[in-house]
N, C-alpha and C. Protein backbone atom coordinates (compact mmCIF):
# COMPACT_ATOMS: atom_id res chain seq x y z
N MET A 1 46.30 -3.10 14.57
CA MET A 1 46.58 -4.09 13.51
C MET A 1 48.06 -4.43 13.53
N MET A 2 48.43 -5.73 13.51
CA MET A 2 49.83 -6.15 13.56
C MET A 2 50.48 -5.89 12.21
N LYS A 3 51.66 -5.23 12.27
CA LYS A 3 52.41 -4.95 11.06
C LYS A 3 53.56 -5.92 10.86
N TYR A 4 54.29 -6.22 11.94
CA TYR A 4 55.39 -7.16 11.83
C TYR A 4 55.72 -7.69 13.20
N CYS A 5 56.51 -8.73 13.24
CA CYS A 5 56.87 -9.38 14.49
C CYS A 5 58.37 -9.59 14.53
N LYS A 6 59.00 -9.13 15.62
CA LYS A 6 60.43 -9.35 15.82
C LYS A 6 60.61 -10.32 16.97
N ARG A 7 61.46 -11.31 16.75
CA ARG A 7 61.72 -12.26 17.82
C ARG A 7 63.06 -11.92 18.49
N PHE A 8 63.03 -11.78 19.80
CA PHE A 8 64.22 -11.56 20.60
C PHE A 8 64.44 -12.79 21.47
N ASN A 9 65.57 -12.82 22.17
CA ASN A 9 65.85 -14.00 22.99
C ASN A 9 64.72 -14.29 23.95
N SER A 10 64.25 -13.30 24.65
CA SER A 10 63.13 -13.44 25.58
C SER A 10 62.79 -12.05 26.10
N PRO A 11 61.58 -11.66 26.16
CA PRO A 11 60.40 -12.39 25.70
C PRO A 11 60.14 -12.15 24.22
N LEU A 12 58.92 -12.61 23.74
CA LEU A 12 58.48 -12.33 22.38
C LEU A 12 57.88 -10.94 22.36
N VAL A 13 58.38 -10.07 21.48
CA VAL A 13 57.91 -8.69 21.41
C VAL A 13 57.11 -8.52 20.13
N LEU A 14 55.88 -8.12 20.28
CA LEU A 14 55.01 -7.89 19.13
C LEU A 14 54.86 -6.39 18.94
N HIS A 15 55.25 -5.86 17.78
CA HIS A 15 55.16 -4.44 17.49
C HIS A 15 53.93 -4.20 16.62
N SER A 16 53.18 -3.21 16.94
CA SER A 16 52.03 -2.83 16.13
C SER A 16 52.19 -1.38 15.70
N ALA A 17 51.23 -0.93 14.90
CA ALA A 17 51.32 0.43 14.38
C ALA A 17 51.17 1.46 15.49
N SER A 18 50.37 1.09 16.56
CA SER A 18 50.08 2.08 17.60
C SER A 18 50.68 1.75 18.94
N THR A 19 50.78 0.45 19.26
CA THR A 19 51.26 0.06 20.57
C THR A 19 52.21 -1.10 20.45
N ALA A 20 52.97 -1.33 21.49
CA ALA A 20 53.85 -2.50 21.56
C ALA A 20 53.47 -3.27 22.80
N SER A 21 53.28 -4.59 22.67
CA SER A 21 52.92 -5.42 23.80
C SER A 21 53.92 -6.53 23.95
N ILE A 22 54.13 -6.98 25.17
CA ILE A 22 55.09 -8.03 25.45
C ILE A 22 54.35 -9.26 25.95
N LEU A 23 54.60 -10.42 25.30
CA LEU A 23 53.92 -11.66 25.64
C LEU A 23 54.98 -12.75 25.75
N THR A 24 55.11 -13.35 26.93
CA THR A 24 56.09 -14.41 27.11
C THR A 24 55.65 -15.65 26.35
N TRP A 25 56.62 -16.51 26.03
CA TRP A 25 56.31 -17.72 25.27
C TRP A 25 55.29 -18.60 25.98
N PRO A 26 55.41 -18.89 27.27
CA PRO A 26 54.39 -19.72 27.94
C PRO A 26 52.99 -19.12 27.83
N ALA A 27 52.89 -17.81 28.04
CA ALA A 27 51.58 -17.16 27.96
C ALA A 27 51.03 -17.23 26.55
N PHE A 28 51.93 -17.12 25.57
CA PHE A 28 51.51 -17.19 24.16
C PHE A 28 50.86 -18.53 23.85
N PHE A 29 51.47 -19.62 24.34
CA PHE A 29 50.93 -20.95 24.06
C PHE A 29 49.63 -21.20 24.82
N VAL A 30 49.49 -20.62 26.01
CA VAL A 30 48.21 -20.71 26.74
C VAL A 30 47.13 -20.01 25.95
N PHE A 31 47.44 -18.83 25.45
CA PHE A 31 46.48 -18.06 24.65
C PHE A 31 46.08 -18.84 23.40
N LEU A 32 47.09 -19.44 22.72
CA LEU A 32 46.81 -20.22 21.52
C LEU A 32 45.92 -21.42 21.82
N SER A 33 46.17 -22.10 22.94
CA SER A 33 45.37 -23.26 23.35
C SER A 33 43.93 -22.86 23.62
N MET A 34 43.75 -21.71 24.31
CA MET A 34 42.39 -21.24 24.60
C MET A 34 41.65 -20.90 23.32
N THR A 35 42.34 -20.30 22.37
CA THR A 35 41.71 -19.94 21.10
C THR A 35 41.23 -21.16 20.35
N ILE A 36 42.08 -22.20 20.30
CA ILE A 36 41.71 -23.45 19.63
C ILE A 36 40.52 -24.10 20.33
N SER A 37 40.51 -24.09 21.67
CA SER A 37 39.42 -24.70 22.44
C SER A 37 38.11 -23.99 22.17
N LEU A 38 38.13 -22.65 22.17
CA LEU A 38 36.90 -21.89 21.92
C LEU A 38 36.40 -22.11 20.50
N SER A 39 37.33 -22.24 19.56
CA SER A 39 36.96 -22.50 18.17
C SER A 39 36.27 -23.85 18.04
N ALA A 40 36.82 -24.88 18.73
CA ALA A 40 36.23 -26.22 18.69
C ALA A 40 34.86 -26.23 19.33
N GLN A 41 34.71 -25.47 20.44
CA GLN A 41 33.41 -25.41 21.12
C GLN A 41 32.38 -24.74 20.23
N SER A 42 32.78 -23.66 19.55
CA SER A 42 31.87 -22.97 18.65
C SER A 42 31.44 -23.87 17.52
N GLU A 43 32.38 -24.67 16.97
CA GLU A 43 32.06 -25.60 15.88
C GLU A 43 31.09 -26.67 16.35
N ALA A 44 31.28 -27.17 17.60
CA ALA A 44 30.38 -28.19 18.16
C ALA A 44 28.98 -27.64 18.31
N ASN A 45 28.86 -26.37 18.74
CA ASN A 45 27.54 -25.76 18.91
C ASN A 45 26.83 -25.63 17.58
N VAL A 46 27.61 -25.33 16.51
CA VAL A 46 27.01 -25.22 15.19
C VAL A 46 26.50 -26.57 14.72
N LYS A 47 27.21 -27.64 15.05
CA LYS A 47 26.85 -28.97 14.58
C LYS A 47 25.71 -29.60 15.37
N ASN A 48 25.36 -29.03 16.51
CA ASN A 48 24.27 -29.56 17.33
C ASN A 48 23.15 -28.54 17.44
N LEU A 49 21.93 -29.00 17.21
CA LEU A 49 20.77 -28.13 17.33
C LEU A 49 19.86 -28.67 18.42
N LEU A 50 19.71 -27.93 19.50
CA LEU A 50 18.82 -28.35 20.58
C LEU A 50 17.38 -28.20 20.14
N ILE A 51 16.63 -29.28 20.24
CA ILE A 51 15.19 -29.22 19.98
C ILE A 51 14.45 -28.88 21.27
N ASP A 52 14.78 -29.61 22.35
CA ASP A 52 14.14 -29.31 23.63
C ASP A 52 14.91 -29.94 24.78
N ASP A 53 15.06 -29.17 25.85
CA ASP A 53 15.55 -29.74 27.11
C ASP A 53 14.50 -29.58 28.20
N PHE A 54 13.30 -29.16 27.80
CA PHE A 54 12.12 -29.09 28.67
C PHE A 54 12.30 -28.14 29.85
N SER A 55 13.22 -27.18 29.69
CA SER A 55 13.42 -26.18 30.73
C SER A 55 12.33 -25.10 30.70
N ALA A 56 11.54 -25.08 29.63
CA ALA A 56 10.46 -24.10 29.49
C ALA A 56 9.26 -24.78 28.82
N GLU A 57 8.13 -24.10 28.88
CA GLU A 57 6.91 -24.65 28.28
C GLU A 57 7.02 -24.74 26.76
N ILE A 58 7.75 -23.79 26.17
CA ILE A 58 7.96 -23.78 24.73
C ILE A 58 9.32 -24.41 24.44
N SER A 59 9.42 -25.20 23.39
CA SER A 59 10.68 -25.86 23.06
C SER A 59 11.73 -24.86 22.60
N ALA A 60 12.95 -25.33 22.47
CA ALA A 60 14.05 -24.47 22.04
C ALA A 60 13.88 -24.01 20.59
N ILE A 61 13.05 -24.70 19.80
CA ILE A 61 12.82 -24.30 18.41
C ILE A 61 11.50 -23.55 18.25
N GLY A 62 10.83 -23.25 19.38
CA GLY A 62 9.65 -22.40 19.34
C GLY A 62 8.33 -23.10 19.10
N THR A 63 8.30 -24.44 19.25
CA THR A 63 7.06 -25.18 19.08
C THR A 63 6.76 -25.97 20.36
N THR A 64 5.62 -26.61 20.42
CA THR A 64 5.22 -27.36 21.61
C THR A 64 4.92 -28.81 21.24
N TRP A 65 4.93 -29.65 22.26
CA TRP A 65 4.65 -31.08 22.07
C TRP A 65 3.15 -31.34 22.08
N GLU A 66 2.72 -32.29 21.26
CA GLU A 66 1.31 -32.69 21.19
C GLU A 66 1.22 -34.19 21.47
N GLY A 67 0.31 -34.57 22.33
CA GLY A 67 0.14 -35.98 22.63
C GLY A 67 -1.16 -36.51 22.05
N PHE A 68 -1.10 -37.68 21.42
CA PHE A 68 -2.33 -38.31 20.95
C PHE A 68 -2.12 -39.81 20.79
N THR A 69 -3.22 -40.54 20.64
CA THR A 69 -3.19 -42.00 20.62
C THR A 69 -3.95 -42.53 19.41
N ASP A 70 -4.00 -43.85 19.32
CA ASP A 70 -4.74 -44.48 18.22
C ASP A 70 -6.25 -44.27 18.33
N GLN A 71 -6.70 -43.61 19.38
CA GLN A 71 -8.13 -43.32 19.49
C GLN A 71 -8.62 -42.40 18.37
N VAL A 72 -7.69 -41.67 17.73
CA VAL A 72 -8.08 -40.83 16.60
C VAL A 72 -8.54 -41.68 15.42
N MET A 73 -8.24 -42.99 15.44
CA MET A 73 -8.66 -43.89 14.37
C MET A 73 -9.48 -45.06 14.92
N GLY A 74 -10.03 -44.87 16.13
CA GLY A 74 -10.91 -45.88 16.71
C GLY A 74 -10.25 -46.87 17.65
N GLY A 75 -8.96 -46.69 17.95
CA GLY A 75 -8.25 -47.60 18.84
C GLY A 75 -8.61 -47.40 20.30
N LYS A 76 -8.00 -48.21 21.17
CA LYS A 76 -8.33 -48.19 22.59
C LYS A 76 -7.15 -47.83 23.50
N SER A 77 -6.03 -47.45 22.93
CA SER A 77 -4.87 -47.12 23.76
C SER A 77 -5.12 -45.85 24.56
N GLU A 78 -4.50 -45.77 25.73
CA GLU A 78 -4.67 -44.60 26.60
C GLU A 78 -3.30 -44.08 27.02
N MET A 79 -3.20 -42.76 27.24
CA MET A 79 -1.91 -42.19 27.58
C MET A 79 -2.05 -40.99 28.52
N ARG A 80 -0.93 -40.71 29.18
CA ARG A 80 -0.75 -39.48 29.95
C ARG A 80 0.60 -38.91 29.53
N VAL A 81 0.65 -37.63 29.23
CA VAL A 81 1.91 -37.03 28.80
C VAL A 81 1.97 -35.59 29.29
N GLY A 82 3.16 -35.16 29.64
CA GLY A 82 3.32 -33.80 30.10
C GLY A 82 4.75 -33.51 30.50
N ARG A 83 5.01 -32.24 30.70
CA ARG A 83 6.34 -31.79 31.15
C ARG A 83 6.36 -31.85 32.67
N ILE A 84 7.39 -32.49 33.21
CA ILE A 84 7.50 -32.66 34.66
C ILE A 84 8.80 -32.03 35.13
N VAL A 85 8.71 -31.26 36.21
CA VAL A 85 9.89 -30.66 36.82
C VAL A 85 10.05 -31.26 38.20
N GLU A 86 11.08 -32.08 38.37
CA GLU A 86 11.34 -32.71 39.66
C GLU A 86 12.51 -32.01 40.33
N ALA A 87 13.14 -32.67 41.26
CA ALA A 87 14.31 -32.10 41.93
C ALA A 87 15.45 -31.92 40.94
N GLY A 88 15.53 -32.82 39.95
CA GLY A 88 16.58 -32.73 38.93
C GLY A 88 16.08 -31.97 37.71
N PRO A 89 16.68 -32.25 36.54
CA PRO A 89 16.28 -31.57 35.31
C PRO A 89 14.84 -31.87 34.92
N ALA A 90 14.23 -30.93 34.20
CA ALA A 90 12.87 -31.13 33.70
C ALA A 90 12.88 -32.21 32.63
N MET A 91 11.70 -32.79 32.36
CA MET A 91 11.62 -33.85 31.36
C MET A 91 10.22 -33.94 30.80
N LEU A 92 10.13 -34.60 29.65
CA LEU A 92 8.84 -34.98 29.07
C LEU A 92 8.56 -36.40 29.53
N SER A 93 7.39 -36.61 30.12
CA SER A 93 7.04 -37.94 30.61
C SER A 93 5.79 -38.44 29.88
N MET A 94 5.90 -39.62 29.29
CA MET A 94 4.78 -40.22 28.56
C MET A 94 4.54 -41.63 29.12
N SER A 95 3.32 -41.90 29.49
CA SER A 95 2.98 -43.22 30.02
C SER A 95 1.58 -43.58 29.57
N GLY A 96 1.28 -44.87 29.66
CA GLY A 96 -0.05 -45.30 29.28
C GLY A 96 -0.10 -46.76 28.89
N THR A 97 -1.22 -47.17 28.37
CA THR A 97 -1.45 -48.55 27.97
C THR A 97 -1.63 -48.63 26.46
N VAL A 98 -0.77 -49.39 25.81
CA VAL A 98 -0.88 -49.57 24.36
C VAL A 98 -1.73 -50.82 24.10
N SER A 99 -2.79 -50.64 23.35
CA SER A 99 -3.70 -51.74 23.03
C SER A 99 -3.76 -51.95 21.52
N LEU A 100 -3.89 -53.21 21.11
CA LEU A 100 -4.03 -53.53 19.68
C LEU A 100 -5.49 -53.67 19.26
N ALA A 101 -6.40 -53.42 20.20
CA ALA A 101 -7.83 -53.54 19.90
C ALA A 101 -8.24 -52.56 18.81
N ASN A 102 -9.17 -52.97 17.99
CA ASN A 102 -9.71 -52.14 16.90
C ASN A 102 -8.61 -51.64 15.96
N ASN A 103 -7.61 -52.50 15.72
CA ASN A 103 -6.52 -52.15 14.81
C ASN A 103 -5.70 -50.95 15.27
N GLY A 104 -5.67 -50.75 16.59
CA GLY A 104 -4.86 -49.67 17.13
C GLY A 104 -3.46 -50.16 17.45
N GLY A 105 -2.78 -49.45 18.36
CA GLY A 105 -1.48 -49.91 18.79
C GLY A 105 -0.41 -48.85 18.96
N PHE A 106 -0.79 -47.61 19.36
CA PHE A 106 0.26 -46.63 19.61
C PHE A 106 -0.22 -45.51 20.53
N ILE A 107 0.75 -44.94 21.25
CA ILE A 107 0.60 -43.65 21.90
C ILE A 107 1.84 -42.85 21.52
N GLN A 108 1.70 -41.54 21.36
CA GLN A 108 2.87 -40.78 20.94
C GLN A 108 2.79 -39.32 21.39
N SER A 109 3.98 -38.72 21.47
CA SER A 109 4.10 -37.29 21.71
C SER A 109 4.93 -36.73 20.57
N ARG A 110 4.38 -35.72 19.90
CA ARG A 110 4.97 -35.22 18.65
C ARG A 110 5.27 -33.73 18.76
N ILE A 111 6.34 -33.33 18.07
CA ILE A 111 6.69 -31.91 18.00
C ILE A 111 6.90 -31.52 16.54
N MET A 112 6.33 -30.39 16.16
CA MET A 112 6.57 -29.85 14.82
C MET A 112 7.94 -29.19 14.82
N LEU A 113 8.69 -29.35 13.75
CA LEU A 113 10.05 -28.84 13.68
C LEU A 113 10.15 -27.43 13.11
N ASN A 114 9.06 -26.95 12.57
CA ASN A 114 9.00 -25.61 12.02
C ASN A 114 7.80 -24.89 12.65
N PRO A 115 8.02 -23.76 13.32
CA PRO A 115 6.89 -23.05 13.95
C PRO A 115 5.76 -22.72 12.96
N ARG A 116 6.09 -22.60 11.70
CA ARG A 116 5.08 -22.30 10.68
C ARG A 116 4.49 -23.57 10.07
N ARG A 117 4.88 -24.72 10.62
CA ARG A 117 4.40 -26.02 10.16
C ARG A 117 4.77 -26.30 8.70
N GLY A 118 5.88 -25.74 8.28
CA GLY A 118 6.38 -26.02 6.95
C GLY A 118 7.55 -26.97 7.02
N ALA A 119 8.40 -26.96 6.02
CA ALA A 119 9.55 -27.86 5.96
C ALA A 119 10.70 -27.36 6.82
N PHE A 120 11.42 -28.30 7.39
CA PHE A 120 12.63 -28.00 8.17
C PHE A 120 13.79 -28.75 7.54
N ASP A 121 14.88 -28.05 7.25
CA ASP A 121 16.03 -28.65 6.60
C ASP A 121 16.99 -29.20 7.65
N ALA A 122 17.09 -30.53 7.74
CA ALA A 122 17.99 -31.19 8.68
C ALA A 122 19.15 -31.87 7.98
N SER A 123 19.36 -31.51 6.72
CA SER A 123 20.39 -32.19 5.92
C SER A 123 21.80 -31.90 6.41
N GLY A 124 21.96 -30.85 7.21
CA GLY A 124 23.28 -30.53 7.73
C GLY A 124 23.65 -31.29 8.99
N TYR A 125 22.79 -32.19 9.43
CA TYR A 125 23.02 -32.95 10.66
C TYR A 125 23.12 -34.44 10.35
N SER A 126 23.62 -35.19 11.32
CA SER A 126 23.86 -36.63 11.12
C SER A 126 22.74 -37.51 11.66
N GLY A 127 21.94 -36.97 12.59
CA GLY A 127 20.88 -37.77 13.18
C GLY A 127 20.32 -37.11 14.42
N ILE A 128 19.71 -37.94 15.27
CA ILE A 128 19.04 -37.47 16.48
C ILE A 128 19.80 -37.94 17.71
N LYS A 129 19.99 -37.02 18.65
CA LYS A 129 20.57 -37.36 19.94
C LYS A 129 19.49 -37.18 21.00
N ILE A 130 19.33 -38.19 21.85
CA ILE A 130 18.27 -38.13 22.85
C ILE A 130 18.77 -38.71 24.17
N ILE A 131 18.43 -38.05 25.25
CA ILE A 131 18.69 -38.58 26.59
C ILE A 131 17.35 -39.05 27.14
N ALA A 132 17.23 -40.34 27.39
CA ALA A 132 15.93 -40.90 27.76
C ALA A 132 16.09 -42.09 28.69
N ARG A 133 14.99 -42.47 29.31
CA ARG A 133 14.91 -43.69 30.09
C ARG A 133 13.50 -44.25 29.90
N GLY A 134 13.36 -45.56 30.10
CA GLY A 134 12.04 -46.14 29.90
C GLY A 134 11.94 -47.53 30.48
N ARG A 135 10.73 -48.02 30.49
CA ARG A 135 10.47 -49.35 31.03
C ARG A 135 10.14 -50.30 29.88
N GLY A 136 10.95 -51.35 29.75
CA GLY A 136 10.68 -52.34 28.73
C GLY A 136 11.11 -51.89 27.35
N THR A 137 10.53 -52.52 26.34
CA THR A 137 10.83 -52.22 24.94
C THR A 137 9.56 -51.78 24.22
N GLY A 138 9.72 -51.42 22.95
CA GLY A 138 8.55 -51.02 22.16
C GLY A 138 8.50 -49.52 21.89
N TYR A 139 9.66 -48.84 21.98
CA TYR A 139 9.71 -47.39 21.79
C TYR A 139 10.42 -47.06 20.48
N TYR A 140 9.95 -45.99 19.85
CA TYR A 140 10.45 -45.63 18.53
C TYR A 140 10.48 -44.12 18.38
N ILE A 141 11.25 -43.68 17.36
CA ILE A 141 11.19 -42.30 16.89
C ILE A 141 10.51 -42.32 15.53
N PHE A 142 9.50 -41.49 15.36
CA PHE A 142 8.84 -41.32 14.07
C PHE A 142 9.29 -39.98 13.48
N LEU A 143 9.56 -39.98 12.19
CA LEU A 143 9.79 -38.76 11.44
C LEU A 143 8.77 -38.64 10.33
N ARG A 144 8.31 -37.44 10.10
CA ARG A 144 7.43 -37.18 8.96
C ARG A 144 8.01 -36.01 8.17
N THR A 145 7.76 -36.03 6.88
CA THR A 145 8.17 -34.93 6.02
C THR A 145 6.92 -34.28 5.42
N THR A 146 7.13 -33.21 4.70
CA THR A 146 5.99 -32.54 4.06
C THR A 146 5.37 -33.42 2.98
N ALA A 147 6.07 -34.47 2.57
CA ALA A 147 5.53 -35.40 1.56
C ALA A 147 4.68 -36.49 2.18
N ASN A 148 4.74 -36.66 3.52
CA ASN A 148 3.93 -37.67 4.20
C ASN A 148 2.54 -37.09 4.48
N VAL A 149 1.67 -37.22 3.50
CA VAL A 149 0.34 -36.62 3.58
C VAL A 149 -0.58 -37.42 4.49
N PHE A 150 -0.55 -38.74 4.36
CA PHE A 150 -1.48 -39.58 5.11
C PHE A 150 -0.94 -39.84 6.51
N PRO A 151 -1.82 -39.95 7.50
CA PRO A 151 -1.38 -40.13 8.88
C PRO A 151 -0.61 -41.42 9.13
N TRP A 152 -0.82 -42.44 8.31
CA TRP A 152 -0.12 -43.72 8.49
C TRP A 152 1.22 -43.75 7.72
N SER A 153 1.60 -42.64 7.14
CA SER A 153 2.85 -42.56 6.38
C SER A 153 3.91 -41.86 7.22
N PHE A 154 5.01 -42.57 7.51
CA PHE A 154 6.06 -42.01 8.36
C PHE A 154 7.34 -42.83 8.19
N PHE A 155 8.40 -42.36 8.81
CA PHE A 155 9.67 -43.08 8.86
C PHE A 155 9.96 -43.42 10.31
N ILE A 156 10.55 -44.58 10.55
CA ILE A 156 10.64 -45.12 11.90
C ILE A 156 12.05 -45.63 12.21
N ALA A 157 12.48 -45.41 13.46
CA ALA A 157 13.73 -45.99 13.96
C ALA A 157 13.50 -46.40 15.41
N SER A 158 14.11 -47.50 15.80
CA SER A 158 13.96 -48.00 17.16
C SER A 158 14.63 -47.07 18.17
N LEU A 159 14.02 -46.95 19.35
CA LEU A 159 14.58 -46.15 20.44
C LEU A 159 14.88 -47.10 21.60
N PRO A 160 16.09 -47.62 21.69
CA PRO A 160 16.44 -48.57 22.77
C PRO A 160 16.73 -47.83 24.06
N VAL A 161 15.96 -48.10 25.09
CA VAL A 161 16.14 -47.41 26.36
C VAL A 161 16.34 -48.42 27.48
N THR A 162 16.86 -47.93 28.59
CA THR A 162 16.95 -48.70 29.83
C THR A 162 16.27 -47.89 30.92
N GLU A 163 16.25 -48.42 32.12
CA GLU A 163 15.61 -47.69 33.21
C GLU A 163 16.51 -46.59 33.78
N GLU A 164 17.75 -46.52 33.29
CA GLU A 164 18.66 -45.45 33.67
C GLU A 164 18.75 -44.43 32.53
N TRP A 165 19.02 -43.17 32.90
CA TRP A 165 19.19 -42.16 31.87
C TRP A 165 20.35 -42.55 30.94
N THR A 166 20.09 -42.53 29.64
CA THR A 166 21.08 -42.93 28.65
C THR A 166 21.05 -41.97 27.47
N GLU A 167 22.24 -41.60 26.99
CA GLU A 167 22.32 -40.80 25.78
C GLU A 167 22.35 -41.73 24.58
N ILE A 168 21.44 -41.53 23.65
CA ILE A 168 21.28 -42.42 22.50
C ILE A 168 21.45 -41.62 21.22
N LEU A 169 22.27 -42.10 20.31
CA LEU A 169 22.45 -41.50 19.00
C LEU A 169 21.75 -42.34 17.95
N ILE A 170 20.89 -41.71 17.17
CA ILE A 170 20.16 -42.41 16.12
C ILE A 170 20.48 -41.74 14.79
N PRO A 171 21.39 -42.31 14.00
CA PRO A 171 21.72 -41.70 12.70
C PRO A 171 20.56 -41.82 11.72
N TRP A 172 20.53 -40.92 10.76
CA TRP A 172 19.44 -40.94 9.76
C TRP A 172 19.36 -42.28 9.05
N SER A 173 20.49 -42.95 8.90
CA SER A 173 20.52 -44.22 8.16
C SER A 173 19.68 -45.31 8.83
N GLN A 174 19.35 -45.14 10.11
CA GLN A 174 18.54 -46.15 10.81
C GLN A 174 17.05 -46.00 10.55
N PHE A 175 16.65 -44.91 9.94
CA PHE A 175 15.22 -44.70 9.70
C PHE A 175 14.78 -45.43 8.44
N GLU A 176 13.68 -46.16 8.59
CA GLU A 176 13.09 -46.91 7.49
C GLU A 176 11.66 -46.45 7.28
N LYS A 177 11.11 -46.81 6.15
CA LYS A 177 9.70 -46.51 5.90
C LYS A 177 8.84 -47.26 6.90
N GLY A 178 7.78 -46.61 7.40
CA GLY A 178 6.90 -47.22 8.38
C GLY A 178 6.20 -48.46 7.84
N ASP A 179 5.48 -49.13 8.71
CA ASP A 179 4.85 -50.41 8.36
C ASP A 179 3.89 -50.30 7.19
N PHE A 180 3.32 -49.12 7.00
CA PHE A 180 2.37 -48.95 5.90
C PHE A 180 3.02 -48.25 4.71
N GLY A 181 4.34 -48.10 4.78
CA GLY A 181 5.08 -47.56 3.65
C GLY A 181 5.03 -46.06 3.54
N ALA A 182 5.80 -45.54 2.62
CA ALA A 182 5.82 -44.12 2.28
C ALA A 182 6.11 -44.04 0.79
N PHE A 183 5.53 -43.06 0.14
CA PHE A 183 5.66 -42.97 -1.31
C PHE A 183 7.06 -42.52 -1.73
N PHE A 184 7.75 -41.79 -0.85
CA PHE A 184 9.05 -41.23 -1.20
C PHE A 184 10.09 -41.62 -0.17
N ALA A 185 11.37 -41.54 -0.56
CA ALA A 185 12.46 -41.75 0.38
C ALA A 185 12.52 -40.58 1.36
N LEU A 186 13.17 -40.80 2.48
CA LEU A 186 13.30 -39.76 3.50
C LEU A 186 14.09 -38.58 2.94
N ASP A 187 13.45 -37.43 2.89
CA ASP A 187 14.09 -36.20 2.40
C ASP A 187 14.38 -35.31 3.60
N LEU A 188 15.64 -35.25 4.00
CA LEU A 188 16.02 -34.51 5.21
C LEU A 188 15.83 -33.02 5.07
N LYS A 189 15.68 -32.54 3.86
CA LYS A 189 15.46 -31.11 3.66
C LYS A 189 14.00 -30.73 3.86
N LYS A 190 13.13 -31.75 4.04
CA LYS A 190 11.70 -31.46 4.14
C LYS A 190 11.06 -32.10 5.37
N LEU A 191 11.81 -32.20 6.47
CA LEU A 191 11.21 -32.75 7.69
C LEU A 191 10.12 -31.82 8.19
N SER A 192 9.09 -32.41 8.76
CA SER A 192 8.01 -31.60 9.33
C SER A 192 7.80 -31.86 10.81
N SER A 193 7.97 -33.12 11.26
CA SER A 193 7.73 -33.42 12.67
C SER A 193 8.57 -34.59 13.14
N LEU A 194 8.69 -34.67 14.45
CA LEU A 194 9.40 -35.76 15.12
C LEU A 194 8.53 -36.21 16.29
N ALA A 195 8.48 -37.51 16.55
CA ALA A 195 7.65 -38.02 17.64
C ALA A 195 8.36 -39.14 18.38
N VAL A 196 8.13 -39.20 19.69
CA VAL A 196 8.53 -40.38 20.48
C VAL A 196 7.26 -41.21 20.65
N VAL A 197 7.38 -42.51 20.40
CA VAL A 197 6.19 -43.35 20.26
C VAL A 197 6.36 -44.68 20.98
N ALA A 198 5.30 -45.13 21.65
CA ALA A 198 5.20 -46.50 22.14
C ALA A 198 4.28 -47.21 21.16
N TYR A 199 4.73 -48.35 20.60
CA TYR A 199 4.10 -48.81 19.37
C TYR A 199 4.25 -50.32 19.16
N LYS A 200 3.32 -50.87 18.42
CA LYS A 200 3.39 -52.21 17.82
C LYS A 200 2.96 -53.37 18.69
N LYS A 201 2.89 -53.22 20.00
CA LYS A 201 2.53 -54.35 20.84
C LYS A 201 1.73 -53.87 22.04
N GLU A 202 1.04 -54.80 22.70
CA GLU A 202 0.28 -54.44 23.89
C GLU A 202 1.22 -54.43 25.10
N PHE A 203 1.32 -53.30 25.75
CA PHE A 203 2.14 -53.21 26.95
C PHE A 203 1.84 -51.92 27.69
N THR A 204 2.32 -51.87 28.93
CA THR A 204 2.21 -50.65 29.73
C THR A 204 3.49 -49.85 29.53
N ALA A 205 3.35 -48.70 28.91
CA ALA A 205 4.51 -47.90 28.51
C ALA A 205 4.85 -46.85 29.55
N LYS A 206 6.14 -46.59 29.67
CA LYS A 206 6.63 -45.50 30.52
C LYS A 206 7.93 -45.01 29.91
N LEU A 207 7.91 -43.79 29.37
CA LEU A 207 9.08 -43.23 28.70
C LEU A 207 9.29 -41.78 29.16
N ASP A 208 10.50 -41.47 29.58
CA ASP A 208 10.88 -40.11 29.97
C ASP A 208 11.99 -39.62 29.06
N VAL A 209 11.89 -38.37 28.64
CA VAL A 209 12.90 -37.76 27.77
C VAL A 209 13.41 -36.50 28.44
N ARG A 210 14.72 -36.40 28.61
CA ARG A 210 15.31 -35.23 29.28
C ARG A 210 15.87 -34.22 28.29
N MET A 211 16.29 -34.69 27.13
CA MET A 211 16.85 -33.79 26.11
C MET A 211 16.76 -34.47 24.76
N ILE A 212 16.51 -33.66 23.74
CA ILE A 212 16.53 -34.18 22.38
C ILE A 212 17.09 -33.10 21.47
N SER A 213 17.97 -33.52 20.56
CA SER A 213 18.63 -32.55 19.69
C SER A 213 19.01 -33.25 18.39
N LEU A 214 19.48 -32.45 17.44
CA LEU A 214 20.09 -32.98 16.22
C LEU A 214 21.59 -32.85 16.37
N TYR A 215 22.31 -33.84 15.88
CA TYR A 215 23.76 -33.79 15.99
C TYR A 215 24.43 -33.96 14.63
């Protein structure tokens, strides 16, 4: 434990109760710089929560992705979804045909945010960070909370992608009530699930996700 510090012309001599160590001024400033850098890195890690980088079958938060389409309500859309490991990083790949027949119009891959399927508190974060690529337009992020009881009740934000891998930040402020509304405002303390969705129009969808996190 440091008791006191005496400064001499050179070097800086630090006296302690048990030992004395000598640290030159240049080395001292290098040490100080490293300490600040590690502190900033630790703070950044606290502010970011990895949901999944698809490096394993189970996500980083201990849940798995579920794929389903409007066929659960009589629609005709079709999809293929799964984790793919290529020469590069692993990814979630979702593709298929979105059809508006029989009042349908979506394919999606969803992840529960709480392994116990309860509420997840995301109020300490600013939004969603995602690294993705896709073909065309018509992609969205859906959020549901424990208050969204009905399947058509959700919150929605656009997911703009290109055919190149792109990091996209989606702040919570961009989420609006879905087309069929929601009874309550978005409560970030009660999130239940997150989904990547191809939605609203007839098209052939192709969306790949390499990483998704909260920031």
